[in-house]
Every structure is written in C-alpha cells, then in structure tokens.
Amino acid sequence: MAIEVVKAPESFDDGTVSLVDGTRLHPDVLICATGYQRGLESLVGHLGVLDERGVPRAPRGESVADGLRFLGFLPRPSQIGYTCKRARRIANEIAKRLR
C-alpha cells in the first residue's frame, strides 16, 4: 500500500475525490487532516453526517456512511493516546473489510 499526500479535497462523488487543483482520484482510503478547525461542512455537509455545529454525529470512528468515518473530534483526556489506539482499531477494521 502506498501513501500519497495530495492537495486539499474539493468534493467527493461516488468513489471519486476531486482536489482543489482539478485532479480527480479514486483512492482506496482517504484521510483528511483538517487541523484545529473542522471545516467539514463544504466537504460532507450534504451527507447529513454533521450536527448543527458542524461536528460529526459519530465522532469515534464509527462508519457514518459507506467508507466514511470521523475520529478525533471530541476533546478528551489523553487525546493523542486515545486517537492513536482508536485509529489502529479502525485501520484493522477497514483492512479486514477490504480483504
């Protein structure tokens, strides 16, 4: 498996990711690191997966739509440790599903 860092996503449509530079990709997995501000509304707001504050309705890595999960959106003690452990579990779940 190869990991490639690309420009920011502009939109998602049926397995295709359109980037801000016009590139269209068909990735197996997509990880968006949005930083300290969520800014998810323009990307996934139309899918009904965010609450009225723009926070994912299922923020602990549960599948909210086919192939879509969110992690790290709830502040908690030991955030980095929790997120790391949960990310490993999610990655294993995804890998099993892709096999």
C-alpha atoms as a PDB file:
ATOM      1  CA  MET A   1       0.000   0.000   0.000  1.00  0.00           C
ATOM      2  CA  ALA A   2       1.324   3.462  -0.870  1.00  0.00           C
ATOM      3  CA  ILE A   3       0.526   6.694   0.913  1.00  0.00           C
ATOM      4  CA  GLU A   4       0.446   9.911  -1.066  1.00  0.00           C
ATOM      5  CA  VAL A   5      -0.067  13.406   0.306  1.00  0.00           C
ATOM      6  CA  VAL A   6      -2.138  15.470  -2.137  1.00  0.00           C
ATOM      7  CA  LYS A   7      -3.837  18.862  -2.362  1.00  0.00           C
ATOM      8  CA  ALA A   8      -6.996  19.527  -0.366  1.00  0.00           C
ATOM      9  CA  PRO A   9     -10.181  17.750  -1.447  1.00  0.00           C
ATOM     10  CA  GLU A  10     -12.860  19.909  -3.016  1.00  0.00           C
ATOM     11  CA  SER A  11     -15.626  17.333  -3.358  1.00  0.00           C
ATOM     12  CA  PHE A  12     -16.476  13.641  -3.120  1.00  0.00           C
ATOM     13  CA  ASP A  13     -18.690  11.837  -5.612  1.00  0.00           C
ATOM     14  CA  ASP A  14     -19.305   8.091  -5.819  1.00  0.00           C
ATOM     15  CA  GLY A  15     -15.750   6.958  -5.007  1.00  0.00           C
ATOM     16  CA  THR A  16     -14.082   9.851  -6.806  1.00  0.00           C
ATOM     17  CA  VAL A  17     -12.270  12.628  -4.961  1.00  0.00           C
ATOM     18  CA  SER A  18     -11.860  15.946  -6.773  1.00  0.00           C
ATOM     19  CA  LEU A  19      -8.971  18.033  -5.472  1.00  0.00           C
ATOM     20  CA  VAL A  20      -8.739  21.830  -5.453  1.00  0.00           C
ATOM     21  CA  ASP A  21      -6.138  21.680  -8.235  1.00  0.00           C
ATOM     22  CA  GLY A  22      -8.564  19.836 -10.547  1.00  0.00           C
ATOM     23  CA  THR A  23      -7.040  16.379 -10.085  1.00  0.00           C
ATOM     24  CA  ARG A  24      -9.530  13.509  -9.756  1.00  0.00           C
ATOM     25  CA  LEU A  25      -8.569  10.442  -7.726  1.00  0.00           C
ATOM     26  CA  HIS A  26     -10.113   7.049  -6.963  1.00  0.00           C
ATOM     27  CA  PRO A  27      -8.388   6.186  -3.667  1.00  0.00           C
ATOM     28  CA  ASP A  28      -8.870   3.031  -1.615  1.00  0.00           C
ATOM     29  CA  VAL A  29      -8.657   5.122   1.571  1.00  0.00           C
ATOM     30  CA  LEU A  30      -8.753   8.860   2.162  1.00  0.00           C
ATOM     31  CA  ILE A  31      -7.581  10.583   5.345  1.00  0.00           C
ATOM     32  CA  CYS A  32      -8.361  14.287   5.665  1.00  0.00           C
ATOM     33  CA  ALA A  33      -6.442  16.112   8.379  1.00  0.00           C
ATOM     34  CA  THR A  34      -8.446  19.287   8.904  1.00  0.00           C
ATOM     35  CA  GLY A  35      -6.386  20.779  11.743  1.00  0.00           C
ATOM     36  CA  TYR A  36      -7.900  22.638  14.663  1.00  0.00           C
ATOM     37  CA  GLN A  37     -10.888  23.978  12.792  1.00  0.00           C
ATOM     38  CA  ARG A  38     -13.295  21.439  11.441  1.00  0.00           C
ATOM     39  CA  GLY A  39     -14.333  22.993   8.143  1.00  0.00           C
ATOM     40  CA  LEU A  40     -16.201  19.822   7.196  1.00  0.00           C
ATOM     41  CA  GLU A  41     -19.424  21.438   6.038  1.00  0.00           C
ATOM     42  CA  SER A  42     -18.283  22.092   2.486  1.00  0.00           C
ATOM     43  CA  LEU A  43     -16.877  18.566   2.147  1.00  0.00           C
ATOM     44  CA  VAL A  44     -19.527  16.353   3.730  1.00  0.00           C
ATOM     45  CA  GLY A  45     -22.300  18.649   4.987  1.00  0.00           C
ATOM     46  CA  HIS A  46     -24.647  17.474   2.231  1.00  0.00           C
ATOM     47  CA  LEU A  47     -24.416  13.883   3.502  1.00  0.00           C
ATOM     48  CA  GLY A  48     -26.255  14.566   6.780  1.00  0.00           C
ATOM     49  CA  VAL A  49     -23.359  13.254   8.893  1.00  0.00           C
ATOM     50  CA  LEU A  50     -22.756  16.512  10.829  1.00  0.00           C
ATOM     51  CA  ASP A  51     -24.746  18.064  13.647  1.00  0.00           C
ATOM     52  CA  GLU A  52     -25.869  21.719  13.772  1.00  0.00           C
ATOM     53  CA  ARG A  53     -22.372  22.778  14.973  1.00  0.00           C
ATOM     54  CA  GLY A  54     -20.595  21.020  12.107  1.00  0.00           C
ATOM     55  CA  VAL A  55     -19.369  18.203  14.366  1.00  0.00           C
ATOM     56  CA  PRO A  56     -19.576  14.619  13.081  1.00  0.00           C
ATOM     57  CA  ARG A  57     -22.602  12.783  14.503  1.00  0.00           C
ATOM     58  CA  ALA A  58     -20.418   9.692  15.035  1.00  0.00           C
ATOM     59  CA  PRO A  59     -17.019  11.093  16.113  1.00  0.00           C
ATOM     60  CA  ARG A  60     -15.377   7.927  17.472  1.00  0.00           C
ATOM     61  CA  GLY A  61     -14.575   6.236  14.174  1.00  0.00           C
ATOM     62  CA  GLU A  62     -17.901   4.520  13.597  1.00  0.00           C
ATOM     63  CA  SER A  63     -18.951   4.198   9.993  1.00  0.00           C
ATOM     64  CA  VAL A  64     -21.380   7.042   9.237  1.00  0.00           C
ATOM     65  CA  ALA A  65     -21.722   6.364   5.521  1.00  0.00           C
ATOM     66  CA  ASP A  66     -20.233   3.763   3.238  1.00  0.00           C
ATOM     67  CA  GLY A  67     -16.474   4.260   3.582  1.00  0.00           C
ATOM     68  CA  LEU A  68     -16.724   7.372   5.793  1.00  0.00           C
ATOM     69  CA  ARG A  69     -15.535   7.664   9.396  1.00  0.00           C
ATOM     70  CA  PHE A  70     -14.501  10.517  11.679  1.00  0.00           C
ATOM     71  CA  LEU A  71     -12.057  10.391  14.580  1.00  0.00           C
ATOM     72  CA  GLY A  72     -10.614  12.958  16.961  1.00  0.00           C
ATOM     73  CA  PHE A  73     -13.478  15.445  17.076  1.00  0.00           C
ATOM     74  CA  LEU A  74     -14.314  15.054  20.767  1.00  0.00           C
ATOM     75  CA  PRO A  75     -11.930  16.568  23.316  1.00  0.00           C
ATOM     76  CA  ARG A  76     -10.921  14.082  25.981  1.00  0.00           C
ATOM     77  CA  PRO A  77      -8.074  13.397  28.405  1.00  0.00           C
ATOM     78  CA  SER A  78      -5.089  11.812  26.700  1.00  0.00           C
ATOM     79  CA  GLN A  79      -6.455  12.798  23.275  1.00  0.00           C
ATOM     80  CA  ILE A  80      -3.374  11.746  21.321  1.00  0.00           C
ATOM     81  CA  GLY A  81      -3.093   8.345  23.011  1.00  0.00           C
ATOM     82  CA  TYR A  82      -6.794   7.619  22.611  1.00  0.00           C
ATOM     83  CA  THR A  83      -6.830   8.712  18.981  1.00  0.00           C
ATOM     84  CA  CYS A  84      -3.758   6.619  18.190  1.00  0.00           C
ATOM     85  CA  LYS A  85      -5.252   3.459  19.720  1.00  0.00           C
ATOM     86  CA  ARG A  86      -8.645   4.029  18.136  1.00  0.00           C
ATOM     87  CA  ALA A  87      -7.055   4.762  14.734  1.00  0.00           C
ATOM     88  CA  ARG A  88      -5.261   1.402  14.837  1.00  0.00           C
ATOM     89  CA  ARG A  89      -8.531  -0.401  15.579  1.00  0.00           C
ATOM     90  CA  ILE A  90     -10.301   1.447  12.783  1.00  0.00           C
ATOM     91  CA  ALA A  91      -7.469   0.686  10.337  1.00  0.00           C
ATOM     92  CA  ASN A  92      -7.712  -3.019  11.225  1.00  0.00           C
ATOM     93  CA  GLU A  93     -11.499  -2.965  10.724  1.00  0.00           C
ATOM     94  CA  ILE A  94     -11.074  -1.325   7.322  1.00  0.00           C
ATOM     95  CA  ALA A  95      -8.314  -3.732   6.289  1.00  0.00           C
ATOM     96  CA  LYS A  96     -10.498  -6.733   7.189  1.00  0.00           C
ATOM     97  CA  ARG A  97     -13.373  -5.273   5.192  1.00  0.00           C
ATOM     98  CA  LEU A  98     -11.160  -4.717   2.121  1.00  0.00           C
ATOM     99  CA  ARG A  99      -9.891  -8.301   2.126  1.00  0.00           C
END
